[in-house]
């Protein structure tokens, strides 16, 4: 009897060892994943078992219950991250669970270029297929909730490249862009030059947006800033085309005409209204913000586009008029500026 018990115990131990060995072998073996790989989608609120069953139905995970049990035993079943997981041919059950726990999801990128309007930024976000769309327009109440209740949303989102994963929302990108703008503006404002004609960082942001739309040349930003600062200090009208164009909105067809510069009902018409326009006109980058707060110390009060992306700066109106005749009128009468930069 004793001998039979010993044989039974030994046999049971062997069977358990073989079973454990089989489990270990399966745990470490590559899963049957296609050569092109497989994308596992884990939605918000999905359990580990649900993800395992999804893989089982796809013919990739032969033993979903084993993965779920191990996840429960280790406590990892409550910590999987939503998103898309790219499974390669060398993926094992063990590496899969590790990836789900760490959140090794596919990341996407969306770029909000410097100088675009908020409306254009919303169009860019709407075109991102992996972003969940929750916004419907530039005046959406949810956008206004991101900023001060009394503020206009234009210009208050930092142009940059933002990473996101499947399931993130367009509003989450704007939230990050708004925080980035506030941090950038605060840092630049704290290190601004002395004796500037701005009472608040917001006014500097307005100026930065104008600079961003006036030139794409880095070496000109501070020169243009200097021109506008001196004009403000001397009580001169800014007379900048991009503000007029912004105020025209969807009615602008790419050709700014003299009649547009005489319109009194356009609040952004800096040919008729003194001082800064009421809000920014675009999303300015850090360089434009820096330029607004560190204007060039020259003496120019005027500039005109040369037609090659650069500008000619003049100290006097006579010099400016000669430059206009030389560079601008020879290209096209009534053409005063260019449409918004392409995203």
Protein backbone atom coordinates (compact mmCIF):
# COMPACT_ATOMS: atom_id res chain seq x y z
CA UNK A 1 0.00 0.00 0.00
CA UNK A 2 2.79 2.39 0.94
CA UNK A 3 4.59 1.53 -2.26
CA UNK A 4 1.48 2.31 -4.34
CA UNK A 5 1.09 5.69 -2.61
CA UNK A 6 4.67 6.58 -3.42
CA UNK A 7 4.15 5.63 -7.04
CA UNK A 8 0.96 7.74 -7.18
CA UNK A 9 2.64 10.79 -5.67
CA UNK A 10 5.61 10.46 -8.00
CA UNK A 11 3.33 10.03 -10.97
CA UNK A 12 1.21 13.03 -9.98
CA UNK A 13 4.35 15.15 -9.58
CA UNK A 14 5.49 14.12 -13.05
CA UNK A 15 2.11 15.02 -14.53
CA UNK A 16 2.13 18.42 -12.77
CA UNK A 17 5.67 19.05 -13.95
CA UNK A 18 4.68 18.16 -17.49
CA UNK A 19 1.64 20.44 -17.23
CA UNK A 20 3.70 23.32 -15.90
CA UNK A 21 6.24 22.73 -18.61
CA UNK A 22 3.50 22.79 -21.21
CA UNK A 23 2.13 26.05 -19.84
CA UNK A 24 5.59 27.59 -19.78
CA UNK A 25 6.21 26.44 -23.33
CA UNK A 26 2.96 27.98 -24.52
CA UNK A 27 3.60 31.14 -22.53
CA UNK A 28 6.97 31.66 -24.18
CA UNK A 29 6.06 30.51 -27.69
CA UNK A 30 5.39 33.09 -30.42
CA UNK A 31 1.71 33.54 -31.17
CA UNK A 32 0.40 32.69 -34.68
CA UNK A 33 0.43 36.25 -35.96
CA UNK A 34 0.33 37.05 -39.72
CA UNK A 35 3.51 38.26 -41.38
CA UNK A 36 2.12 41.78 -41.73
CA UNK A 37 1.33 41.84 -38.03
CA UNK A 38 -1.98 42.33 -36.25
CA UNK A 39 -3.48 45.41 -34.63
CA UNK A 40 -5.31 44.72 -31.39
CA UNK A 41 -7.79 47.45 -30.49
CA UNK A 42 -8.46 47.88 -26.77
CA UNK A 43 -11.34 50.24 -26.14
CA UNK A 44 -11.83 52.29 -22.99
CA UNK A 45 -13.23 50.02 -20.27
CA UNK A 46 -12.22 46.74 -21.96
CA UNK A 47 -11.15 43.96 -19.60
CA UNK A 48 -8.16 41.73 -20.19
CA UNK A 49 -10.50 38.81 -20.83
CA UNK A 50 -12.36 40.78 -23.48
CA UNK A 51 -9.08 41.62 -25.24
CA UNK A 52 -8.01 37.96 -24.96
CA UNK A 53 -11.32 36.76 -26.43
CA UNK A 54 -10.92 39.21 -29.30
CA UNK A 55 -7.52 37.69 -30.10
CA UNK A 56 -8.95 34.18 -29.77
CA UNK A 57 -11.68 34.92 -32.31
CA UNK A 58 -8.99 36.25 -34.66
CA UNK A 59 -7.17 32.91 -34.37
CA UNK A 60 -4.16 34.43 -32.62
CA UNK A 61 -4.53 33.41 -28.97
CA UNK A 62 -5.41 29.69 -28.54
CA UNK A 63 -5.86 29.93 -24.76
CA UNK A 64 -7.57 33.20 -23.76
CA UNK A 65 -8.53 31.81 -20.35
CA UNK A 66 -4.86 31.23 -19.49
CA UNK A 67 -3.97 34.85 -20.24
CA UNK A 68 -6.96 36.11 -18.26
CA UNK A 69 -6.19 33.86 -15.27
CA UNK A 70 -2.55 34.86 -15.19
CA UNK A 71 -3.52 38.52 -15.43
CA UNK A 72 -5.92 38.12 -12.52
CA UNK A 73 -3.30 36.27 -10.47
CA UNK A 74 -0.69 39.01 -11.02
CA UNK A 75 -3.17 41.88 -10.76
CA UNK A 76 -2.39 43.08 -14.29
CA UNK A 77 -5.92 42.46 -15.53
CA UNK A 78 -7.10 45.74 -13.99
CA UNK A 79 -4.35 47.88 -15.48
CA UNK A 80 -4.45 47.43 -19.24
CA UNK A 81 -4.33 50.63 -21.30
CA UNK A 82 -6.68 51.50 -24.14
CA UNK A 83 -5.39 52.09 -27.65
CA UNK A 84 -4.03 50.12 -30.60
CA UNK A 85 -1.33 47.50 -30.13
CA UNK A 86 0.75 46.34 -33.08
CA UNK A 87 1.54 42.66 -32.56
CA UNK A 88 4.55 41.38 -34.51
CA UNK A 89 5.30 37.75 -35.34
CA UNK A 90 7.66 37.37 -32.38
CA UNK A 91 4.97 38.41 -29.87
CA UNK A 92 4.38 35.90 -27.07
CA UNK A 93 1.59 35.75 -24.50
CA UNK A 94 4.04 37.04 -21.93
CA UNK A 95 5.20 40.00 -24.03
CA UNK A 96 1.58 40.73 -24.98
CA UNK A 97 0.54 41.04 -21.35
CA UNK A 98 3.57 43.22 -20.64
CA UNK A 99 2.67 45.51 -23.55
CA UNK A 100 -0.95 45.78 -22.40
CA UNK A 101 0.20 46.66 -18.90
CA UNK A 102 2.76 49.25 -20.02
CA UNK A 103 0.49 50.75 -22.65
CA UNK A 104 2.80 50.22 -25.62
CA UNK A 105 0.18 51.53 -28.00
CA UNK A 106 0.57 52.93 -31.48
CA UNK A 107 1.12 56.67 -31.30
CA UNK A 108 0.00 59.16 -33.91
CA UNK A 109 1.07 62.75 -34.52
CA UNK A 110 -0.86 65.84 -35.50
CA UNK A 111 0.79 69.16 -36.33
CA UNK A 112 -0.78 72.56 -35.83
CA UNK A 113 1.46 74.86 -37.92
CA UNK A 114 2.44 78.34 -36.84
CA UNK A 115 0.34 81.11 -38.31
CA UNK A 116 -2.89 79.22 -38.95
CA UNK A 117 -6.23 80.28 -37.50
CA UNK A 118 -8.17 78.30 -34.95
CA UNK A 119 -10.69 77.41 -37.66
CA UNK A 120 -7.89 75.84 -39.71
CA UNK A 121 -6.61 74.03 -36.63
CA UNK A 122 -10.05 72.52 -36.07
CA UNK A 123 -10.11 71.36 -39.69
CA UNK A 124 -6.76 69.64 -39.17
CA UNK A 125 -8.00 67.87 -36.04
CA UNK A 126 -11.21 66.84 -37.79
CA UNK A 127 -9.17 65.16 -40.55
CA UNK A 128 -7.37 62.90 -38.05
CA UNK A 129 -9.21 59.58 -38.37
CA UNK A 130 -7.89 58.18 -35.09
CA UNK A 131 -9.00 61.20 -33.05
CA UNK A 132 -12.48 61.13 -31.57
CA UNK A 133 -14.29 64.19 -32.89
CA UNK A 134 -16.29 66.14 -30.32
CA UNK A 135 -16.04 69.70 -31.70
CA UNK A 136 -18.18 71.13 -34.44
CA UNK A 137 -16.90 74.67 -35.02
CA UNK A 138 -14.70 77.57 -34.00
CA UNK A 139 -17.32 78.98 -31.63
CA UNK A 140 -18.02 75.68 -29.89
CA UNK A 141 -18.86 76.26 -26.23
CA UNK A 142 -16.46 73.49 -25.22
CA UNK A 143 -13.55 75.45 -26.70
CA UNK A 144 -14.53 78.52 -24.73
CA UNK A 145 -14.58 76.42 -21.56
CA UNK A 146 -10.84 75.84 -22.01
CA UNK A 147 -10.00 79.50 -21.59
CA UNK A 148 -11.14 82.49 -19.58
CA UNK A 149 -14.92 82.90 -19.98
CA UNK A 150 -14.56 86.43 -21.34
CA UNK A 151 -11.80 85.61 -23.82
CA UNK A 152 -11.95 84.87 -27.54
CA UNK A 153 -10.34 81.50 -28.38
CA UNK A 154 -8.29 82.70 -31.37
CA UNK A 155 -4.54 82.56 -30.79
CA UNK A 156 -4.70 80.85 -27.40
CA UNK A 157 -3.47 77.44 -28.60
CA UNK A 158 0.22 76.76 -29.13
CA UNK A 159 1.20 75.56 -32.62
CA UNK A 160 3.23 72.38 -32.31
CA UNK A 161 3.23 68.64 -33.05
CA UNK A 162 1.17 66.63 -30.58
CA UNK A 163 1.19 62.88 -30.02
CA UNK A 164 -2.01 61.00 -29.37
CA UNK A 165 -3.45 57.49 -29.36
CA UNK A 166 -6.65 56.03 -30.71
CA UNK A 167 -9.54 57.15 -28.55
CA UNK A 168 -8.08 60.53 -27.61
CA UNK A 169 -10.38 63.45 -28.41
CA UNK A 170 -9.86 66.63 -30.38
CA UNK A 171 -10.64 68.60 -27.24
CA UNK A 172 -7.78 66.85 -25.42
CA UNK A 173 -5.33 68.11 -28.06
CA UNK A 174 -6.67 71.64 -27.65
CA UNK A 175 -6.36 71.37 -23.87
CA UNK A 176 -2.69 70.48 -24.22
CA UNK A 177 -2.15 73.21 -26.81
CA UNK A 178 -3.79 75.78 -24.53
CA UNK A 179 -1.63 74.78 -21.55
CA UNK A 180 1.46 74.97 -23.76
CA UNK A 181 0.51 78.47 -24.95
CA UNK A 182 -0.07 79.72 -21.42
CA UNK A 183 3.29 78.34 -20.28
CA UNK A 184 5.15 79.76 -23.30
CA UNK A 185 3.53 83.18 -23.02
CA UNK A 186 4.23 83.38 -19.29
CA UNK A 187 7.88 82.46 -19.76
CA UNK A 188 8.40 84.96 -22.57
CA UNK A 189 6.49 87.70 -20.75
CA UNK A 190 8.64 87.27 -17.63
CA UNK A 191 11.75 87.82 -19.77
CA UNK A 192 10.44 90.66 -21.92
CA UNK A 193 12.31 93.80 -22.83
CA UNK A 194 11.61 97.00 -20.94
CA UNK A 195 9.28 99.85 -21.90
CA UNK A 196 6.97 97.95 -24.22
CA UNK A 197 3.54 99.35 -25.18
CA UNK A 198 1.68 96.31 -23.82
CA UNK A 199 -0.28 96.30 -20.60
CA UNK A 200 -0.90 92.55 -20.55
CA UNK A 201 0.57 89.33 -21.97
CA UNK A 202 -2.59 89.02 -24.08
CA UNK A 203 -1.74 92.24 -25.92
CA UNK A 204 1.71 90.85 -26.63
CA UNK A 205 0.03 87.71 -27.97
CA UNK A 206 -2.05 89.82 -30.33
CA UNK A 207 1.10 91.48 -31.63
CA UNK A 208 2.84 88.11 -31.97
CA UNK A 209 0.00 86.81 -34.13
CA UNK A 210 0.34 89.79 -36.47
CA UNK A 211 4.10 89.26 -36.74
CA UNK A 212 3.49 85.57 -37.46
CA UNK A 213 1.21 86.41 -40.36
CA UNK A 214 3.36 89.23 -41.75
CA UNK A 215 6.55 87.27 -42.36
CA UNK A 216 7.86 83.75 -42.64
CA UNK A 217 11.49 84.88 -42.41
CA UNK A 218 12.98 84.41 -38.92
CA UNK A 219 15.41 87.30 -39.39
CA UNK A 220 12.56 89.75 -40.06
CA UNK A 221 10.37 89.05 -37.03
CA UNK A 222 12.05 91.47 -34.66
CA UNK A 223 12.34 94.12 -37.38
CA UNK A 224 8.60 93.96 -38.03
CA UNK A 225 7.97 93.95 -34.29
CA UNK A 226 10.07 97.10 -34.01
CA UNK A 227 8.09 98.84 -36.73
CA UNK A 228 4.75 98.09 -35.07
CA UNK A 229 5.98 99.00 -31.58
CA UNK A 230 7.27 102.37 -32.77
CA UNK A 231 4.00 103.05 -34.59
CA UNK A 232 2.05 102.30 -31.42
CA UNK A 233 4.32 104.54 -29.38
CA UNK A 234 3.91 107.39 -31.85
CA UNK A 235 0.14 107.03 -32.09
CA UNK A 236 0.24 105.84 -35.70
CA UNK A 237 -2.16 103.33 -37.18
CA UNK A 238 -0.65 99.86 -37.57
CA UNK A 239 -2.01 99.57 -41.15
CA UNK A 240 -1.30 95.85 -41.44
CA UNK A 241 -3.07 93.79 -44.08
CA UNK A 242 -3.34 90.45 -42.22
CA UNK A 243 -5.62 91.96 -39.58
CA UNK A 244 -7.96 93.29 -42.26
CA UNK A 245 -8.01 89.91 -43.97
CA UNK A 246 -8.83 88.17 -40.71
CA UNK A 247 -11.73 90.53 -40.12
CA UNK A 248 -13.10 89.83 -43.60
CA UNK A 249 -13.41 86.16 -42.69
CA UNK A 250 -14.86 83.86 -45.34
CA UNK A 251 -15.61 86.79 -47.65
CA UNK A 252 -11.91 87.24 -48.41
CA UNK A 253 -11.17 85.77 -51.84
CA UNK A 254 -7.38 86.16 -51.81
CA UNK A 255 -7.38 89.67 -53.24
CA UNK A 256 -7.29 92.50 -50.71
CA UNK A 257 -8.59 95.66 -52.37
CA UNK A 258 -8.47 99.34 -51.46
CA UNK A 259 -12.16 99.37 -50.60
CA UNK A 260 -11.51 96.81 -47.87
CA UNK A 261 -9.09 99.21 -46.20
CA UNK A 262 -11.81 101.88 -45.96
CA UNK A 263 -14.44 99.73 -44.25
CA UNK A 264 -15.33 101.04 -40.79
CA UNK A 265 -17.38 98.04 -39.67
CA UNK A 266 -14.37 95.71 -39.70
CA UNK A 267 -13.05 95.80 -36.12
CA UNK A 268 -9.78 94.32 -37.36
CA UNK A 269 -9.22 97.06 -39.94
CA UNK A 270 -6.03 98.63 -38.60
CA UNK A 271 -6.17 101.18 -41.41
CA UNK A 272 -9.20 102.72 -39.67
CA UNK A 273 -8.91 101.63 -36.03
CA UNK A 274 -6.05 102.70 -33.82
CA UNK A 275 -4.07 100.41 -31.56
CA UNK A 276 -4.10 96.63 -31.60
CA UNK A 277 -7.00 94.62 -33.01
CA UNK A 278 -9.38 93.14 -30.40
CA UNK A 279 -7.95 89.60 -30.51
CA UNK A 280 -5.08 87.62 -32.01
CA UNK A 281 -5.54 86.73 -35.67
CA UNK A 282 -3.67 83.42 -35.71
CA UNK A 283 -1.73 80.89 -33.65
CA UNK A 284 1.72 82.44 -33.10
CA UNK A 285 4.77 80.32 -32.34
CA UNK A 286 7.40 80.96 -29.69
CA UNK A 287 9.67 82.88 -32.07
CA UNK A 288 6.91 85.35 -32.93
CA UNK A 289 6.01 85.79 -29.26
CA UNK A 290 9.67 86.39 -28.46
CA UNK A 291 9.90 88.94 -31.28
CA UNK A 292 6.82 90.80 -30.00
CA UNK A 293 8.50 91.12 -26.62
CA UNK A 294 11.96 91.95 -28.01
CA UNK A 295 11.42 94.42 -30.87
CA UNK A 296 14.29 95.63 -32.99
CA UNK A 297 15.73 98.95 -31.81
CA UNK A 298 15.94 100.48 -35.28
CA UNK A 299 14.09 103.50 -36.66
CA UNK A 300 11.95 102.05 -39.48
CA UNK A 301 8.25 102.90 -39.43
CA UNK A 302 7.20 101.24 -42.69
CA UNK A 303 7.75 98.07 -44.69
CA UNK A 304 6.51 96.63 -47.96
CA UNK A 305 6.72 93.11 -49.40
CA UNK A 306 9.40 92.60 -52.03
CA UNK A 307 7.55 89.70 -53.62
CA UNK A 308 10.11 87.06 -52.65
CA UNK A 309 8.99 86.54 -49.07
CA UNK A 310 11.05 89.40 -47.65
CA UNK A 311 10.34 93.07 -47.02
CA UNK A 312 11.90 96.46 -47.60
CA UNK A 313 11.96 98.64 -44.45
CA UNK A 314 11.82 102.43 -44.56
CA UNK A 315 12.23 105.22 -42.02
CA UNK A 316 10.13 107.82 -43.80
CA UNK A 317 6.91 107.89 -45.78
CA UNK A 318 8.72 109.15 -48.88
CA UNK A 319 11.13 106.22 -48.77
CA UNK A 320 8.23 103.86 -48.24
CA UNK A 321 6.27 105.23 -51.19
CA UNK A 322 9.27 104.75 -53.46
CA UNK A 323 9.58 101.15 -52.25
CA UNK A 324 5.88 100.56 -52.88
CA UNK A 325 6.20 101.82 -56.44
CA UNK A 326 9.25 99.67 -57.03
CA UNK A 327 8.11 96.39 -55.53
CA UNK A 328 4.38 96.26 -55.06
CA UNK A 329 2.68 98.20 -57.80
CA UNK A 330 4.76 96.54 -60.47
CA UNK A 331 3.32 93.15 -59.49
CA UNK A 332 -0.41 93.77 -59.25
CA UNK A 333 -2.56 96.75 -58.46
CA UNK A 334 -4.78 96.41 -55.41
CA UNK A 335 -2.96 93.21 -54.31
CA UNK A 336 -1.86 93.89 -50.76
CA UNK A 337 -1.23 90.58 -49.05
CA UNK A 338 -1.31 86.82 -49.39
CA UNK A 339 -3.86 84.32 -48.17
CA UNK A 340 -3.31 82.37 -44.97
CA UNK A 341 -0.34 80.01 -44.90
CA UNK A 342 -1.20 76.50 -45.96
CA UNK A 343 -1.35 74.04 -43.05
